[in-house]
C-alpha cells in the first residue's frame, strides 16, 4: 500500500477592521425669532456652516462610504404651550448612502429643516427640542 502525502498551505487574509462610525454635534439648528402668524420657515442645510443650519462631525474609517438617516419630524417644546413641528429634514451630504469619510476618516454633515407655520394663538417664548440622526456603514 502506497501513501501519498498531500500538503496544503492556506492563506487567510487579515480581516478588515473598520473603526466604529460616530457622530457628534458641532452646532445647533437655529430657527431664530418668529412671531404668531408667521408662515413656514425653511432652514437650508447648505454645504458649509451657516448661522442657522446644524452641523455634525462624522468620524470613522478613512475613505469609507456611510449612510445618513434623518428624522421625519421633531417637536419644539415649551412648558404650557402647543408644540411646534420641524419637518422636511435635509442634509449635505444627502440622506442615503451619500456620505464619504475623507482620508483622515472625517466629514462634516450639515442639516436643515422646515418649521411649520406659527398659529396666531401660539404662546410666545423660547422653544427647544432635539432630533436624532443615524449614520452607519
Protein backbone atom coordinates (compact mmCIF):
# COMPACT_ATOMS: atom_id res chain seq x y z
CA UNK A 1 0.00 0.00 0.00
CA UNK A 2 1.34 3.34 -1.01
CA UNK A 3 0.52 6.53 0.78
CA UNK A 4 0.55 9.91 -0.84
CA UNK A 5 1.12 12.81 1.44
CA UNK A 6 -0.51 15.98 0.26
CA UNK A 7 0.32 19.26 1.87
CA UNK A 8 -1.79 22.36 1.53
CA UNK A 9 -0.90 25.85 2.51
CA UNK A 10 -3.82 28.08 3.31
CA UNK A 11 -3.50 31.81 3.41
CA UNK A 12 -6.16 33.54 5.43
CA UNK A 13 -6.08 37.28 4.83
CA UNK A 14 -6.28 39.60 7.77
CA UNK A 15 -9.86 40.66 8.37
CA UNK A 16 -10.62 44.30 7.58
CA UNK A 17 -11.31 46.02 10.86
CA UNK A 18 -13.41 49.15 10.42
CA UNK A 19 -13.30 51.83 13.07
CA UNK A 20 -16.69 52.40 14.63
CA UNK A 21 -18.52 55.27 13.00
CA UNK A 22 -19.59 58.11 15.28
CA UNK A 23 -21.38 61.42 15.04
CA UNK A 24 -21.15 64.41 17.37
CA UNK A 25 -22.91 67.77 17.31
CA UNK A 26 -20.79 70.75 16.29
CA UNK A 27 -23.58 73.36 16.15
CA UNK A 28 -27.32 73.60 16.79
CA UNK A 29 -30.10 74.13 14.28
CA UNK A 30 -31.17 77.72 14.94
CA UNK A 31 -34.67 78.82 13.94
CA UNK A 32 -34.31 82.41 15.05
CA UNK A 33 -37.13 84.70 16.08
CA UNK A 34 -40.65 84.00 14.81
CA UNK A 35 -43.97 85.57 15.72
CA UNK A 36 -47.56 84.38 15.76
CA UNK A 37 -48.94 84.19 12.24
CA UNK A 38 -45.56 83.64 10.53
CA UNK A 39 -45.59 81.24 7.60
CA UNK A 40 -43.37 78.16 7.44
CA UNK A 41 -39.64 78.84 7.73
CA UNK A 42 -37.12 76.80 5.75
CA UNK A 43 -33.61 76.41 7.11
CA UNK A 44 -31.46 75.05 4.25
CA UNK A 45 -28.77 72.50 5.06
CA UNK A 46 -26.18 74.32 2.98
CA UNK A 47 -22.79 72.89 2.08
CA UNK A 48 -20.88 74.85 4.74
CA UNK A 49 -21.59 76.16 8.24
CA UNK A 50 -24.19 78.95 8.39
CA UNK A 51 -25.79 80.88 11.24
CA UNK A 52 -28.86 78.60 11.15
CA UNK A 53 -28.00 75.10 9.92
CA UNK A 54 -26.91 72.36 12.29
CA UNK A 55 -23.56 70.71 11.77
CA UNK A 56 -22.20 67.38 12.95
CA UNK A 57 -18.76 65.78 12.89
CA UNK A 58 -18.81 62.25 11.48
CA UNK A 59 -15.72 60.12 12.10
CA UNK A 60 -14.77 56.55 11.27
CA UNK A 61 -12.70 54.52 8.81
CA UNK A 62 -10.89 56.63 6.22
CA UNK A 63 -12.26 56.69 2.66
CA UNK A 64 -15.43 54.81 3.61
CA UNK A 65 -18.97 55.45 2.38
CA UNK A 66 -21.67 55.77 5.04
CA UNK A 67 -25.45 56.13 5.12
CA UNK A 68 -27.29 59.07 6.67
CA UNK A 69 -30.81 58.65 8.07
CA UNK A 70 -32.75 61.78 9.02
CA UNK A 71 -35.85 62.11 11.20
CA UNK A 72 -39.29 62.60 9.68
CA UNK A 73 -40.34 65.18 12.26
CA UNK A 74 -39.22 66.68 15.55
CA UNK A 75 -41.08 68.71 18.16
CA UNK A 76 -40.05 72.02 19.67
CA UNK A 77 -41.45 72.31 23.16
CA UNK A 78 -42.17 74.95 25.78
CA UNK A 79 -43.90 74.14 29.06
CA UNK A 80 -47.58 75.05 28.87
CA UNK A 81 -47.54 75.68 25.11
CA UNK A 82 -48.56 73.77 22.00
CA UNK A 83 -45.57 72.05 20.37
CA UNK A 84 -44.11 73.44 17.14
CA UNK A 85 -43.08 70.94 14.46
CA UNK A 86 -39.92 70.63 12.41
CA UNK A 87 -40.23 68.53 9.26
CA UNK A 88 -38.71 68.05 5.81
CA UNK A 89 -35.21 67.47 7.16
CA UNK A 90 -32.43 67.76 4.57
CA UNK A 91 -28.70 67.19 4.80
CA UNK A 92 -25.43 67.59 2.97
CA UNK A 93 -24.33 65.02 2.12
CA UNK A 94 -27.89 63.99 1.30
CA UNK A 95 -29.82 61.32 3.16
CA UNK A 96 -28.99 57.81 1.97
CA UNK A 97 -25.62 56.26 1.11
CA UNK A 98 -24.04 59.55 0.21
CA UNK A 99 -21.54 60.27 2.96
CA UNK A 100 -17.85 59.69 2.30
CA UNK A 101 -15.26 59.97 5.04
CA UNK A 102 -12.05 61.61 3.84
CA UNK A 103 -8.52 60.20 4.09
CA UNK A 104 -8.48 61.17 7.77
CA UNK A 105 -11.81 59.42 8.41
CA UNK A 106 -13.79 62.65 8.85
CA UNK A 107 -16.65 64.57 7.25
CA UNK A 108 -18.91 67.38 8.37
CA UNK A 109 -22.65 66.76 7.95
CA UNK A 110 -24.91 69.82 7.58
CA UNK A 111 -28.62 69.62 8.42
CA UNK A 112 -31.60 71.88 7.77
CA UNK A 113 -35.35 71.53 8.26
CA UNK A 114 -38.65 73.36 7.91
CA UNK A 115 -40.54 74.89 10.83
CA UNK A 116 -44.29 74.79 10.22
CA UNK A 117 -46.36 77.96 10.24
CA UNK A 118 -46.89 79.62 13.62
CA UNK A 119 -50.54 79.79 14.76
CA UNK A 120 -51.87 83.19 15.85
CA UNK A 121 -52.62 81.63 19.25
CA UNK A 122 -49.08 80.28 19.79
CA UNK A 123 -47.64 81.07 23.22
CA UNK A 124 -44.60 83.37 22.96
CA UNK A 125 -41.31 82.22 24.48
CA UNK A 126 -38.26 80.05 23.92
CA UNK A 127 -38.84 76.60 22.48
CA UNK A 128 -36.33 73.77 22.31
CA UNK A 129 -36.15 70.21 21.10
CA UNK A 130 -33.90 67.51 19.79
CA UNK A 131 -33.71 65.15 16.86
CA UNK A 132 -31.77 62.03 16.04
CA UNK A 133 -29.56 61.46 13.02
CA UNK A 134 -28.20 57.98 12.35
CA UNK A 135 -25.00 57.22 10.46
CA UNK A 136 -23.99 53.65 9.59
CA UNK A 137 -21.54 51.95 7.27
